[in-house]
């Protein structure tokens, strides 16, 4: 059923195993409750903003505000498109597709996490492959970039498995201290090759794009 006011909520990306739905009110609540059950070991911090260390009530409130900001600040030129990822109707994690001046640059980035209880089962790789297929095949992207802390082996491994190339490093700050990060990039030619030779680039089906297309800028 077409959403009466916000066509982006009609989008669905499906692989043989998972479904990605834009994080509407219900999806956002699902994600906050999943985060309550744990995202990473207590002695690690995979995120640039250490939101998982917040007291539970504040974490939920700020988490809801984050997703609301994604929609409130939306424009066809600059957007954050957050998806809640489901397997057999159960939320397992999230991934966002990020673009700035997309109609001109055709470049996207991603940010993601998987609930700790669902890690090690390939969901992180599959949801990244899904949004890459959506960006390159359906939105006309020319490049996808990704960043990870040098210590975040899981995120780095997802990029490497999907064919991204190393693209330099950077220094960020977490908890007031410098932290080394790694940059990766995947251009269209590499993605075209990978999707025909790499079985991790699973096929996707997309529903709801026709009504959402005007909100994504000229394609």
N, C-alpha and C. Protein backbone atom coordinates (compact mmCIF):
# COMPACT_ATOMS: atom_id res chain seq x y z
N UNK A 1 0.84 -1.20 0.00
CA UNK A 1 0.00 0.00 0.00
C UNK A 1 0.87 1.24 0.00
N UNK A 2 0.56 2.18 -0.88
CA UNK A 2 1.35 3.38 -1.00
C UNK A 2 1.21 4.24 0.25
N UNK A 3 2.36 4.69 0.79
CA UNK A 3 2.30 5.57 1.96
C UNK A 3 1.71 6.91 1.53
N UNK A 4 0.76 7.45 2.27
CA UNK A 4 0.03 8.64 1.80
C UNK A 4 0.83 9.93 1.84
N UNK A 5 1.91 9.99 2.64
CA UNK A 5 2.62 11.26 2.78
C UNK A 5 4.13 11.15 2.58
N UNK A 6 4.72 9.98 2.73
CA UNK A 6 6.18 9.86 2.68
C UNK A 6 6.54 8.63 1.84
N UNK A 7 6.62 8.80 0.51
CA UNK A 7 6.80 7.65 -0.38
C UNK A 7 8.05 6.82 -0.10
N UNK A 8 9.05 7.40 0.53
CA UNK A 8 10.25 6.62 0.83
C UNK A 8 9.93 5.40 1.70
N UNK A 9 8.89 5.50 2.52
CA UNK A 9 8.53 4.37 3.38
C UNK A 9 7.98 3.18 2.58
N UNK A 10 7.68 3.39 1.29
CA UNK A 10 7.22 2.28 0.45
C UNK A 10 8.37 1.43 -0.08
N UNK A 11 9.60 1.92 0.02
CA UNK A 11 10.74 1.19 -0.52
C UNK A 11 10.93 -0.15 0.20
N UNK A 12 11.26 -1.18 -0.57
CA UNK A 12 11.66 -2.47 -0.02
C UNK A 12 12.78 -3.03 -0.90
N UNK A 13 13.87 -3.41 -0.25
CA UNK A 13 14.95 -4.12 -0.94
C UNK A 13 14.95 -5.54 -0.40
N UNK A 14 14.92 -6.52 -1.29
CA UNK A 14 14.86 -7.91 -0.86
C UNK A 14 15.96 -8.72 -1.52
N UNK A 15 16.63 -9.52 -0.72
CA UNK A 15 17.57 -10.52 -1.20
C UNK A 15 16.92 -11.89 -0.95
N UNK A 16 17.58 -12.99 -1.31
CA UNK A 16 16.99 -14.29 -1.00
C UNK A 16 16.76 -14.53 0.50
N UNK A 17 17.43 -13.75 1.37
CA UNK A 17 17.33 -14.03 2.80
C UNK A 17 16.80 -12.88 3.63
N UNK A 18 17.03 -11.64 3.26
CA UNK A 18 16.68 -10.51 4.10
C UNK A 18 15.83 -9.50 3.35
N UNK A 19 15.17 -8.64 4.14
CA UNK A 19 14.39 -7.53 3.59
C UNK A 19 14.83 -6.25 4.28
N UNK A 20 15.11 -5.22 3.50
CA UNK A 20 15.49 -3.91 4.02
C UNK A 20 14.32 -2.97 3.86
N UNK A 21 13.90 -2.36 4.99
CA UNK A 21 12.78 -1.43 5.00
C UNK A 21 13.27 -0.09 5.55
N UNK A 22 12.93 1.03 4.91
CA UNK A 22 13.27 2.32 5.51
C UNK A 22 12.76 2.39 6.94
N UNK A 23 13.59 2.95 7.83
CA UNK A 23 13.30 2.94 9.26
C UNK A 23 12.21 3.94 9.60
N UNK A 24 10.96 3.50 9.47
CA UNK A 24 9.83 4.32 9.88
C UNK A 24 9.69 4.21 11.40
N UNK A 25 8.59 4.69 11.95
CA UNK A 25 8.44 4.69 13.41
C UNK A 25 8.57 3.29 14.00
N UNK A 26 7.89 2.32 13.39
CA UNK A 26 7.94 0.96 13.93
C UNK A 26 9.34 0.36 13.77
N UNK A 27 9.96 0.60 12.62
CA UNK A 27 11.30 0.07 12.41
C UNK A 27 12.33 0.67 13.34
N UNK A 28 12.18 1.97 13.63
CA UNK A 28 13.09 2.63 14.55
C UNK A 28 12.97 2.05 15.95
N UNK A 29 11.75 1.80 16.39
CA UNK A 29 11.57 1.16 17.69
C UNK A 29 12.20 -0.22 17.70
N UNK A 30 12.01 -0.99 16.63
CA UNK A 30 12.64 -2.32 16.54
C UNK A 30 14.16 -2.21 16.70
N UNK A 31 14.76 -1.22 16.06
CA UNK A 31 16.21 -1.07 16.12
C UNK A 31 16.67 -0.66 17.52
N UNK A 32 15.93 0.22 18.18
CA UNK A 32 16.33 0.63 19.52
C UNK A 32 16.26 -0.54 20.50
N UNK A 33 15.24 -1.38 20.35
CA UNK A 33 15.13 -2.54 21.24
C UNK A 33 16.20 -3.57 20.94
N UNK A 34 16.56 -3.72 19.68
CA UNK A 34 17.66 -4.62 19.32
C UNK A 34 18.97 -4.11 19.91
N UNK A 35 19.22 -2.81 19.82
CA UNK A 35 20.45 -2.24 20.37
C UNK A 35 20.53 -2.46 21.88
N UNK A 36 19.38 -2.47 22.55
CA UNK A 36 19.38 -2.73 23.99
C UNK A 36 19.99 -4.08 24.33
N UNK A 37 19.90 -5.03 23.40
CA UNK A 37 20.40 -6.38 23.66
C UNK A 37 21.88 -6.53 23.32
N UNK A 38 22.49 -5.45 22.82
CA UNK A 38 23.93 -5.47 22.58
C UNK A 38 24.29 -5.40 21.12
N UNK A 39 25.34 -4.61 20.83
CA UNK A 39 25.82 -4.43 19.46
C UNK A 39 27.27 -4.85 19.32
N UNK A 40 28.05 -4.73 20.41
CA UNK A 40 29.48 -5.06 20.35
C UNK A 40 29.95 -5.34 21.77
N UNK A 41 31.12 -5.99 21.90
CA UNK A 41 31.67 -6.22 23.25
C UNK A 41 31.92 -4.91 23.98
N UNK A 42 31.80 -4.95 25.30
CA UNK A 42 31.91 -3.73 26.11
C UNK A 42 33.27 -3.06 25.98
N UNK A 43 34.31 -3.82 25.67
CA UNK A 43 35.65 -3.24 25.59
C UNK A 43 36.01 -2.78 24.18
N UNK A 44 35.04 -2.72 23.27
CA UNK A 44 35.28 -2.25 21.91
C UNK A 44 34.38 -1.06 21.62
N UNK A 45 34.78 -0.21 20.65
CA UNK A 45 33.93 0.88 20.19
C UNK A 45 34.11 1.03 18.67
N UNK A 46 33.21 0.40 17.91
CA UNK A 46 33.34 0.45 16.45
C UNK A 46 32.83 1.73 15.81
N UNK A 47 32.16 2.59 16.58
CA UNK A 47 31.50 3.76 16.00
C UNK A 47 32.27 5.04 16.28
N UNK A 48 32.14 6.00 15.36
CA UNK A 48 32.76 7.30 15.56
C UNK A 48 32.06 8.06 16.69
N UNK A 49 30.75 7.96 16.74
CA UNK A 49 29.97 8.52 17.85
C UNK A 49 29.64 7.35 18.79
N UNK A 50 30.15 7.35 20.01
CA UNK A 50 29.98 6.19 20.90
C UNK A 50 28.59 6.11 21.54
N UNK A 51 27.57 6.00 20.71
CA UNK A 51 26.19 6.05 21.18
C UNK A 51 25.82 4.83 22.03
N UNK A 52 26.49 3.72 21.82
CA UNK A 52 26.13 2.51 22.57
C UNK A 52 26.53 2.60 24.04
N UNK A 53 27.32 3.60 24.42
CA UNK A 53 27.72 3.75 25.82
C UNK A 53 26.73 4.60 26.62
N UNK A 54 25.76 5.16 25.94
CA UNK A 54 24.80 6.01 26.64
C UNK A 54 23.92 5.17 27.56
N UNK A 55 23.44 5.80 28.62
CA UNK A 55 22.45 5.17 29.51
C UNK A 55 21.23 4.80 28.66
N UNK A 56 20.58 3.63 28.92
CA UNK A 56 19.54 3.12 28.02
C UNK A 56 18.45 4.12 27.65
N UNK A 57 17.93 4.86 28.62
CA UNK A 57 16.87 5.81 28.30
C UNK A 57 17.35 6.88 27.34
N UNK A 58 18.53 7.41 27.59
CA UNK A 58 19.07 8.44 26.70
C UNK A 58 19.42 7.86 25.34
N UNK A 59 19.93 6.62 25.33
CA UNK A 59 20.28 5.99 24.06
C UNK A 59 19.04 5.84 23.17
N UNK A 60 17.94 5.42 23.77
CA UNK A 60 16.71 5.29 22.98
C UNK A 60 16.26 6.64 22.46
N UNK A 61 16.25 7.65 23.32
CA UNK A 61 15.78 8.97 22.92
C UNK A 61 16.65 9.54 21.80
N UNK A 62 17.96 9.46 21.96
CA UNK A 62 18.85 10.02 20.94
C UNK A 62 18.83 9.18 19.67
N UNK A 63 18.60 7.88 19.83
CA UNK A 63 18.47 7.03 18.65
C UNK A 63 17.25 7.39 17.84
N UNK A 64 16.12 7.59 18.51
CA UNK A 64 14.92 8.02 17.80
C UNK A 64 15.15 9.35 17.11
N UNK A 65 15.82 10.28 17.80
CA UNK A 65 16.09 11.59 17.21
C UNK A 65 16.97 11.47 15.97
N UNK A 66 17.93 10.56 16.00
CA UNK A 66 18.80 10.37 14.83
C UNK A 66 17.96 10.01 13.61
N UNK A 67 17.08 9.02 13.76
CA UNK A 67 16.28 8.60 12.60
C UNK A 67 15.30 9.68 12.18
N UNK A 68 14.70 10.38 13.14
CA UNK A 68 13.82 11.48 12.78
C UNK A 68 14.58 12.56 12.00
N UNK A 69 15.84 12.84 12.42
CA UNK A 69 16.64 13.84 11.70
C UNK A 69 16.90 13.41 10.26
N UNK A 70 17.12 12.12 10.05
CA UNK A 70 17.35 11.65 8.68
C UNK A 70 16.20 12.07 7.77
N UNK A 71 14.97 11.91 8.26
CA UNK A 71 13.81 12.26 7.44
C UNK A 71 13.56 13.77 7.44
N UNK A 72 13.72 14.42 8.59
CA UNK A 72 13.44 15.86 8.67
C UNK A 72 14.41 16.68 7.81
N UNK A 73 15.65 16.22 7.69
CA UNK A 73 16.66 16.96 6.93
C UNK A 73 16.77 16.50 5.49
N UNK A 74 15.87 15.66 5.05
CA UNK A 74 15.97 15.08 3.71
C UNK A 74 15.84 16.14 2.62
N UNK A 75 16.67 16.02 1.60
CA UNK A 75 16.50 16.79 0.38
C UNK A 75 17.01 15.93 -0.77
N UNK A 76 16.56 16.16 -2.00
CA UNK A 76 17.02 15.35 -3.12
C UNK A 76 18.53 15.46 -3.36
N UNK A 77 19.15 16.54 -2.86
CA UNK A 77 20.59 16.72 -3.06
C UNK A 77 21.42 16.06 -1.98
N UNK A 78 20.88 15.94 -0.78
CA UNK A 78 21.66 15.41 0.34
C UNK A 78 20.75 14.61 1.25
N UNK A 79 21.07 13.33 1.44
CA UNK A 79 20.17 12.49 2.21
C UNK A 79 20.89 11.36 2.91
N UNK A 80 20.26 10.92 4.02
CA UNK A 80 20.63 9.71 4.74
C UNK A 80 19.43 8.80 4.66
N UNK A 81 19.59 7.64 4.05
CA UNK A 81 18.49 6.70 3.88
C UNK A 81 18.73 5.48 4.77
N UNK A 82 18.16 5.46 5.99
CA UNK A 82 18.41 4.35 6.91
C UNK A 82 17.41 3.21 6.69
N UNK A 83 17.93 2.00 6.62
CA UNK A 83 17.10 0.81 6.49
C UNK A 83 17.21 -0.03 7.75
N UNK A 84 16.08 -0.57 8.20
CA UNK A 84 16.09 -1.65 9.18
C UNK A 84 16.10 -2.96 8.41
N UNK A 85 16.96 -3.88 8.82
CA UNK A 85 17.14 -5.13 8.10
C UNK A 85 16.44 -6.26 8.85
N UNK A 86 15.60 -7.00 8.13
CA UNK A 86 14.80 -8.07 8.74
C UNK A 86 15.11 -9.42 8.09
N UNK A 87 15.10 -10.47 8.90
CA UNK A 87 15.19 -11.84 8.41
C UNK A 87 14.05 -12.62 9.04
N UNK A 88 13.20 -13.19 8.20
CA UNK A 88 12.03 -13.93 8.70
C UNK A 88 11.20 -13.08 9.66
N UNK A 89 11.08 -11.79 9.35
CA UNK A 89 10.25 -10.89 10.15
C UNK A 89 10.90 -10.36 11.41
N UNK A 90 12.14 -10.74 11.70
CA UNK A 90 12.83 -10.30 12.90
C UNK A 90 13.95 -9.34 12.53
N UNK A 91 14.01 -8.19 13.21
CA UNK A 91 15.05 -7.21 12.89
C UNK A 91 16.41 -7.74 13.35
N UNK A 92 17.42 -7.61 12.47
CA UNK A 92 18.77 -8.11 12.79
C UNK A 92 19.81 -7.00 12.79
N UNK A 93 19.49 -5.84 12.23
CA UNK A 93 20.46 -4.76 12.17
C UNK A 93 19.97 -3.63 11.30
N UNK A 94 20.88 -2.73 10.95
CA UNK A 94 20.51 -1.60 10.10
C UNK A 94 21.67 -1.23 9.20
N UNK A 95 21.34 -0.54 8.12
CA UNK A 95 22.35 0.03 7.25
C UNK A 95 21.78 1.30 6.65
N UNK A 96 22.59 2.34 6.56
CA UNK A 96 22.13 3.58 5.92
C UNK A 96 22.97 3.86 4.69
N UNK A 97 22.29 4.39 3.69
CA UNK A 97 22.92 4.85 2.46
C UNK A 97 22.97 6.36 2.53
N UNK A 98 24.15 6.94 2.33
CA UNK A 98 24.39 8.36 2.56
C UNK A 98 24.84 9.01 1.26
N UNK A 99 24.28 10.18 0.94
CA UNK A 99 24.69 10.88 -0.28
C UNK A 99 24.71 12.38 -0.04
N UNK A 100 25.68 13.04 -0.63
CA UNK A 100 25.78 14.50 -0.64
C UNK A 100 25.94 14.96 -2.08
N UNK A 101 25.14 15.95 -2.48
CA UNK A 101 25.11 16.42 -3.88
C UNK A 101 25.09 15.24 -4.83
N UNK A 102 24.21 14.28 -4.56
CA UNK A 102 24.19 13.04 -5.33
C UNK A 102 23.91 13.26 -6.82
N UNK A 103 22.99 14.15 -7.21
CA UNK A 103 22.74 14.30 -8.65
C UNK A 103 23.99 14.68 -9.44
N UNK A 104 24.92 15.38 -8.82
CA UNK A 104 26.15 15.77 -9.51
C UNK A 104 27.29 14.75 -9.30
N UNK A 105 27.49 14.30 -8.06
CA UNK A 105 28.66 13.46 -7.74
C UNK A 105 28.42 11.98 -7.97
N UNK A 106 27.21 11.51 -7.75
CA UNK A 106 26.88 10.10 -7.90
C UNK A 106 27.72 9.21 -6.99
N UNK A 107 27.99 9.70 -5.80
CA UNK A 107 28.79 8.97 -4.83
C UNK A 107 27.94 8.71 -3.59
N UNK A 108 28.02 7.50 -3.06
CA UNK A 108 27.30 7.16 -1.83
C UNK A 108 28.28 6.62 -0.80
N UNK A 109 27.86 6.67 0.45
CA UNK A 109 28.59 6.04 1.54
C UNK A 109 27.62 5.18 2.32
N UNK A 110 28.13 4.39 3.24
CA UNK A 110 27.29 3.53 4.06
C UNK A 110 27.73 3.59 5.51
N UNK A 111 26.80 3.28 6.38
CA UNK A 111 27.07 3.08 7.80
C UNK A 111 26.13 1.99 8.28
N UNK A 112 26.59 1.12 9.18
CA UNK A 112 25.75 -0.03 9.52
C UNK A 112 26.14 -0.63 10.86
N UNK A 113 25.24 -1.48 11.37
CA UNK A 113 25.56 -2.34 12.50
C UNK A 113 24.61 -3.53 12.50
N UNK A 114 25.04 -4.60 13.13
CA UNK A 114 24.24 -5.81 13.28
C UNK A 114 24.14 -6.12 14.77
N UNK A 115 22.95 -6.50 15.23
CA UNK A 115 22.80 -6.88 16.62
C UNK A 115 23.76 -8.00 16.98
N UNK A 116 24.34 -7.93 18.15
CA UNK A 116 25.41 -8.86 18.53
C UNK A 116 24.96 -10.32 18.42
N UNK A 117 23.70 -10.59 18.74
CA UNK A 117 23.22 -11.98 18.71
C UNK A 117 23.11 -12.53 17.29
N UNK A 118 23.14 -11.63 16.27
CA UNK A 118 23.02 -12.06 14.89
C UNK A 118 24.34 -11.97 14.11
N UNK A 119 25.39 -11.60 14.77
CA UNK A 119 26.67 -11.45 14.09
C UNK A 119 27.28 -12.81 13.75
N UNK A 120 28.14 -12.80 12.73
CA UNK A 120 28.79 -14.03 12.31
C UNK A 120 27.95 -14.90 11.39
N UNK A 121 26.83 -14.37 10.91
CA UNK A 121 25.93 -15.14 10.04
C UNK A 121 25.80 -14.52 8.65
N UNK A 122 26.66 -13.53 8.33
CA UNK A 122 26.68 -12.96 6.99
C UNK A 122 25.69 -11.85 6.74
N UNK A 123 24.96 -11.42 7.77
CA UNK A 123 23.95 -10.37 7.55
C UNK A 123 24.61 -9.04 7.18
N UNK A 124 25.74 -8.72 7.79
CA UNK A 124 26.40 -7.46 7.49
C UNK A 124 26.83 -7.37 6.04
N UNK A 125 27.37 -8.47 5.53
CA UNK A 125 27.79 -8.51 4.12
C UNK A 125 26.59 -8.44 3.20
N UNK A 126 25.53 -9.17 3.52
CA UNK A 126 24.37 -9.23 2.64
C UNK A 126 23.63 -7.90 2.58
N UNK A 127 23.50 -7.21 3.71
CA UNK A 127 22.80 -5.93 3.66
C UNK A 127 23.64 -4.89 2.92
N UNK A 128 24.98 -4.96 3.06
CA UNK A 128 25.82 -4.03 2.27
C UNK A 128 25.70 -4.33 0.79
N UNK A 129 25.72 -5.60 0.41
CA UNK A 129 25.57 -5.96 -1.00
C UNK A 129 24.24 -5.47 -1.55
N UNK A 130 23.19 -5.53 -0.72
CA UNK A 130 21.86 -5.09 -1.16
C UNK A 130 21.85 -3.59 -1.46
N UNK A 131 22.38 -2.77 -0.56
CA UNK A 131 22.33 -1.33 -0.81
C UNK A 131 23.29 -0.93 -1.94
N UNK A 132 24.37 -1.69 -2.13
CA UNK A 132 25.24 -1.41 -3.27
C UNK A 132 24.51 -1.67 -4.58
N UNK A 133 23.79 -2.78 -4.66
CA UNK A 133 23.02 -3.07 -5.87
C UNK A 133 21.96 -1.99 -6.10
N UNK A 134 21.32 -1.55 -5.02
CA UNK A 134 20.32 -0.49 -5.14
C UNK A 134 20.96 0.80 -5.65
N UNK A 135 22.12 1.16 -5.08
CA UNK A 135 22.78 2.41 -5.46
C UNK A 135 23.28 2.38 -6.90
N UNK A 136 23.96 1.31 -7.28
CA UNK A 136 24.55 1.26 -8.62
C UNK A 136 23.52 0.97 -9.70
N UNK A 137 22.67 -0.01 -9.47
CA UNK A 137 21.77 -0.46 -10.53
C UNK A 137 20.52 0.39 -10.63
N UNK A 138 20.01 0.87 -9.50
CA UNK A 138 18.72 1.56 -9.51
C UNK A 138 18.82 3.07 -9.36
N UNK A 139 19.89 3.56 -8.75
CA UNK A 139 20.05 5.01 -8.57
C UNK A 139 21.12 5.61 -9.47
N UNK A 140 21.88 4.78 -10.15
CA UNK A 140 22.90 5.30 -11.05
C UNK A 140 24.15 5.82 -10.38
N UNK A 141 24.51 5.26 -9.24
CA UNK A 141 25.74 5.69 -8.55
C UNK A 141 26.97 5.33 -9.39
N UNK A 142 28.01 6.11 -9.21
CA UNK A 142 29.29 5.84 -9.89
C UNK A 142 30.34 5.32 -8.93
N UNK A 143 30.14 5.53 -7.62
CA UNK A 143 31.14 5.10 -6.63
C UNK A 143 30.47 4.95 -5.27
N UNK A 144 30.98 3.98 -4.50
CA UNK A 144 30.56 3.81 -3.11
C UNK A 144 31.79 3.83 -2.23
N UNK A 145 31.74 4.63 -1.18
CA UNK A 145 32.86 4.72 -0.24
C UNK A 145 32.49 4.13 1.11
N UNK A 146 33.50 3.69 1.83
CA UNK A 146 33.27 3.15 3.17
C UNK A 146 34.47 3.49 4.04
N UNK A 147 34.21 3.70 5.33
CA UNK A 147 35.27 3.94 6.30
C UNK A 147 35.09 3.00 7.48
N UNK A 148 36.20 2.65 8.10
CA UNK A 148 36.14 1.82 9.31
C UNK A 148 37.36 2.13 10.15
N UNK A 149 37.22 2.00 11.46
CA UNK A 149 38.40 2.08 12.30
C UNK A 149 39.34 0.93 11.95
N UNK A 150 40.60 1.20 12.03
CA UNK A 150 41.60 0.16 11.74
C UNK A 150 41.37 -1.08 12.59
N UNK A 151 40.87 -0.88 13.80
CA UNK A 151 40.63 -1.99 14.71
C UNK A 151 39.33 -2.74 14.45
N UNK A 152 38.47 -2.21 13.56
CA UNK A 152 37.17 -2.82 13.30
C UNK A 152 37.31 -3.86 12.19
N UNK A 153 37.80 -5.01 12.55
CA UNK A 153 38.09 -6.05 11.58
C UNK A 153 36.84 -6.49 10.82
N UNK A 154 35.71 -6.59 11.50
CA UNK A 154 34.49 -7.07 10.85
C UNK A 154 34.06 -6.15 9.71
N UNK A 155 34.03 -4.84 9.95
CA UNK A 155 33.63 -3.89 8.92
C UNK A 155 34.62 -3.88 7.77
N UNK A 156 35.89 -3.90 8.09
CA UNK A 156 36.92 -3.92 7.04
C UNK A 156 36.78 -5.17 6.18
N UNK A 157 36.49 -6.28 6.82
CA UNK A 157 36.37 -7.54 6.09
C UNK A 157 35.18 -7.52 5.14
N UNK A 158 34.07 -6.90 5.55
CA UNK A 158 32.93 -6.79 4.65
C UNK A 158 33.32 -6.05 3.38
N UNK A 159 34.01 -4.92 3.53
CA UNK A 159 34.45 -4.15 2.36
C UNK A 159 35.37 -4.97 1.47
N UNK A 160 36.30 -5.64 2.07
CA UNK A 160 37.26 -6.43 1.30
C UNK A 160 36.57 -7.57 0.56
N UNK A 161 35.63 -8.24 1.22
CA UNK A 161 34.94 -9.38 0.59
C UNK A 161 34.09 -8.93 -0.60
N UNK A 162 33.58 -7.70 -0.56
CA UNK A 162 32.72 -7.21 -1.63
C UNK A 162 33.49 -6.49 -2.73
N UNK A 163 34.81 -6.47 -2.64
CA UNK A 163 35.62 -5.96 -3.74
C UNK A 163 36.04 -4.51 -3.66
N UNK A 164 35.80 -3.84 -2.53
CA UNK A 164 36.29 -2.47 -2.36
C UNK A 164 37.82 -2.47 -2.42
N UNK A 165 38.38 -1.35 -2.84
CA UNK A 165 39.83 -1.15 -2.85
C UNK A 165 40.22 -0.22 -1.70
N UNK A 166 41.38 -0.47 -1.13
CA UNK A 166 41.95 0.42 -0.11
C UNK A 166 42.14 1.80 -0.73
N UNK A 167 41.77 2.83 0.01
CA UNK A 167 41.82 4.19 -0.54
C UNK A 167 42.39 5.18 0.49
N UNK A 168 43.40 4.75 1.22
CA UNK A 168 44.05 5.64 2.16
C UNK A 168 43.53 5.47 3.58
N UNK A 169 44.01 6.35 4.45
CA UNK A 169 43.61 6.27 5.85
C UNK A 169 43.28 7.65 6.38
N UNK A 170 42.82 7.70 7.61
CA UNK A 170 42.47 8.97 8.23
C UNK A 170 42.61 8.81 9.74
N UNK A 171 42.63 9.94 10.44
CA UNK A 171 42.67 9.95 11.89
C UNK A 171 41.40 10.60 12.40
N UNK A 172 40.66 9.87 13.22
CA UNK A 172 39.47 10.40 13.85
C UNK A 172 39.69 10.56 15.34
N UNK A 173 38.63 10.90 16.03
CA UNK A 173 38.71 11.09 17.48
C UNK A 173 37.56 10.34 18.13
N UNK A 174 37.85 9.53 19.12
CA UNK A 174 36.85 8.84 19.93
C UNK A 174 37.25 8.99 21.39
N UNK A 175 36.30 9.42 22.21
CA UNK A 175 36.57 9.62 23.63
C UNK A 175 37.74 10.57 23.86
N UNK A 176 37.86 11.58 22.99
CA UNK A 176 38.89 12.60 23.15
C UNK A 176 40.28 12.17 22.74
N UNK A 177 40.41 10.98 22.16
CA UNK A 177 41.73 10.48 21.77
C UNK A 177 41.75 10.17 20.27
N UNK A 178 42.90 10.34 19.61
CA UNK A 178 42.98 10.03 18.18
C UNK A 178 42.83 8.53 17.93
N UNK A 179 42.23 8.20 16.78
CA UNK A 179 42.04 6.80 16.43
C UNK A 179 42.23 6.64 14.93
N UNK A 180 42.96 5.61 14.53
CA UNK A 180 43.29 5.41 13.12
C UNK A 180 42.13 4.75 12.38
N UNK A 181 41.83 5.28 11.21
CA UNK A 181 40.77 4.72 10.37
C UNK A 181 41.28 4.40 8.99
N UNK A 182 40.52 3.56 8.28
CA UNK A 182 40.89 3.10 6.94
C UNK A 182 39.75 3.45 5.98
N UNK A 183 40.10 3.88 4.76
CA UNK A 183 39.13 4.24 3.74
C UNK A 183 39.11 3.19 2.63
N UNK A 184 37.90 2.91 2.12
CA UNK A 184 37.74 1.98 1.01
C UNK A 184 36.85 2.61 -0.04
N UNK A 185 37.01 2.17 -1.30
CA UNK A 185 36.16 2.66 -2.37
C UNK A 185 35.85 1.55 -3.35
N UNK A 186 34.66 1.61 -3.93
CA UNK A 186 34.22 0.65 -4.94
C UNK A 186 33.59 1.45 -6.07
N UNK A 187 34.21 1.44 -7.25
CA UNK A 187 33.62 2.20 -8.35
C UNK A 187 32.72 1.29 -9.19
N UNK A 188 32.00 1.91 -10.11
CA UNK A 188 31.00 1.16 -10.86
C UNK A 188 31.62 0.01 -11.65
N UNK A 189 32.76 0.24 -12.29
CA UNK A 189 33.37 -0.83 -13.08
C UNK A 189 33.73 -2.02 -12.21
N UNK A 190 34.28 -1.75 -11.01
CA UNK A 190 34.62 -2.84 -10.10
C UNK A 190 33.36 -3.56 -9.63
N UNK A 191 32.29 -2.80 -9.33
CA UNK A 191 31.06 -3.44 -8.89
C UNK A 191 30.46 -4.30 -10.00
N UNK A 192 30.48 -3.80 -11.23
CA UNK A 192 29.96 -4.58 -12.35
C UNK A 192 30.71 -5.91 -12.48
N UNK A 193 32.01 -5.88 -12.31
CA UNK A 193 32.79 -7.11 -12.38
C UNK A 193 32.47 -8.02 -11.20
N UNK A 194 32.42 -7.43 -10.00
CA UNK A 194 32.21 -8.23 -8.80
C UNK A 194 30.84 -8.91 -8.81
N UNK A 195 29.82 -8.21 -9.29
CA UNK A 195 28.48 -8.79 -9.19
C UNK A 195 28.29 -9.98 -10.12
N UNK A 196 29.17 -10.14 -11.11
CA UNK A 196 29.08 -11.30 -12.01
C UNK A 196 30.02 -12.42 -11.60
N UNK A 197 30.98 -12.13 -10.72
CA UNK A 197 31.96 -13.15 -10.35
C UNK A 197 31.98 -13.48 -8.87
N UNK A 198 31.40 -12.61 -8.04
CA UNK A 198 31.46 -12.77 -6.59
C UNK A 198 30.09 -13.16 -6.07
N UNK A 199 29.93 -14.39 -5.56
CA UNK A 199 28.60 -14.83 -5.12
C UNK A 199 28.05 -14.06 -3.92
N UNK A 200 28.89 -13.27 -3.24
CA UNK A 200 28.39 -12.47 -2.12
C UNK A 200 27.56 -11.28 -2.60
N UNK A 201 27.68 -10.93 -3.88
CA UNK A 201 26.84 -9.87 -4.45
C UNK A 201 25.52 -10.50 -4.88
N UNK A 202 24.64 -10.67 -3.91
CA UNK A 202 23.38 -11.36 -4.14
C UNK A 202 22.43 -10.51 -4.98
N UNK A 203 21.54 -11.15 -5.76
CA UNK A 203 20.54 -10.39 -6.51
C UNK A 203 19.52 -9.77 -5.56
N UNK A 204 18.96 -8.63 -5.96
CA UNK A 204 17.93 -7.99 -5.15
C UNK A 204 16.71 -7.69 -6.00
N UNK A 205 15.58 -7.58 -5.35
CA UNK A 205 14.39 -7.01 -5.96
C UNK A 205 14.05 -5.73 -5.21
N UNK A 206 13.49 -4.78 -5.92
CA UNK A 206 13.17 -3.47 -5.34
C UNK A 206 11.71 -3.15 -5.60
N UNK A 207 10.99 -2.81 -4.55
CA UNK A 207 9.61 -2.37 -4.67
C UNK A 207 9.50 -0.94 -4.14
N UNK A 208 8.60 -0.17 -4.72
CA UNK A 208 8.30 1.16 -4.22
C UNK A 208 9.18 2.27 -4.74
N UNK A 209 10.08 1.97 -5.67
CA UNK A 209 10.99 3.02 -6.14
C UNK A 209 10.28 4.06 -6.99
N UNK A 210 9.29 3.64 -7.76
CA UNK A 210 8.63 4.59 -8.66
C UNK A 210 8.05 5.78 -7.90
N UNK A 211 7.38 5.52 -6.77
CA UNK A 211 6.79 6.62 -6.03
C UNK A 211 7.84 7.41 -5.25
N UNK A 212 8.94 6.75 -4.85
CA UNK A 212 9.97 7.43 -4.07
C UNK A 212 10.97 8.18 -4.95
N UNK A 213 11.00 7.88 -6.24
CA UNK A 213 12.06 8.40 -7.11
C UNK A 213 12.20 9.93 -7.07
N UNK A 214 11.13 10.71 -7.10
CA UNK A 214 11.31 12.17 -7.08
C UNK A 214 12.06 12.67 -5.83
N UNK A 215 11.98 11.95 -4.72
CA UNK A 215 12.64 12.38 -3.50
C UNK A 215 14.14 12.10 -3.52
N UNK A 216 14.58 11.31 -4.49
CA UNK A 216 15.99 10.93 -4.57
C UNK A 216 16.77 11.78 -5.57
N UNK A 217 16.12 12.78 -6.15
CA UNK A 217 16.78 13.66 -7.09
C UNK A 217 16.73 13.12 -8.49
N UNK A 218 17.21 13.88 -9.47
CA UNK A 218 17.24 13.42 -10.87
C UNK A 218 18.12 12.17 -10.97
N UNK A 219 17.57 11.13 -11.59
CA UNK A 219 18.32 9.87 -11.72
C UNK A 219 18.60 9.57 -13.19
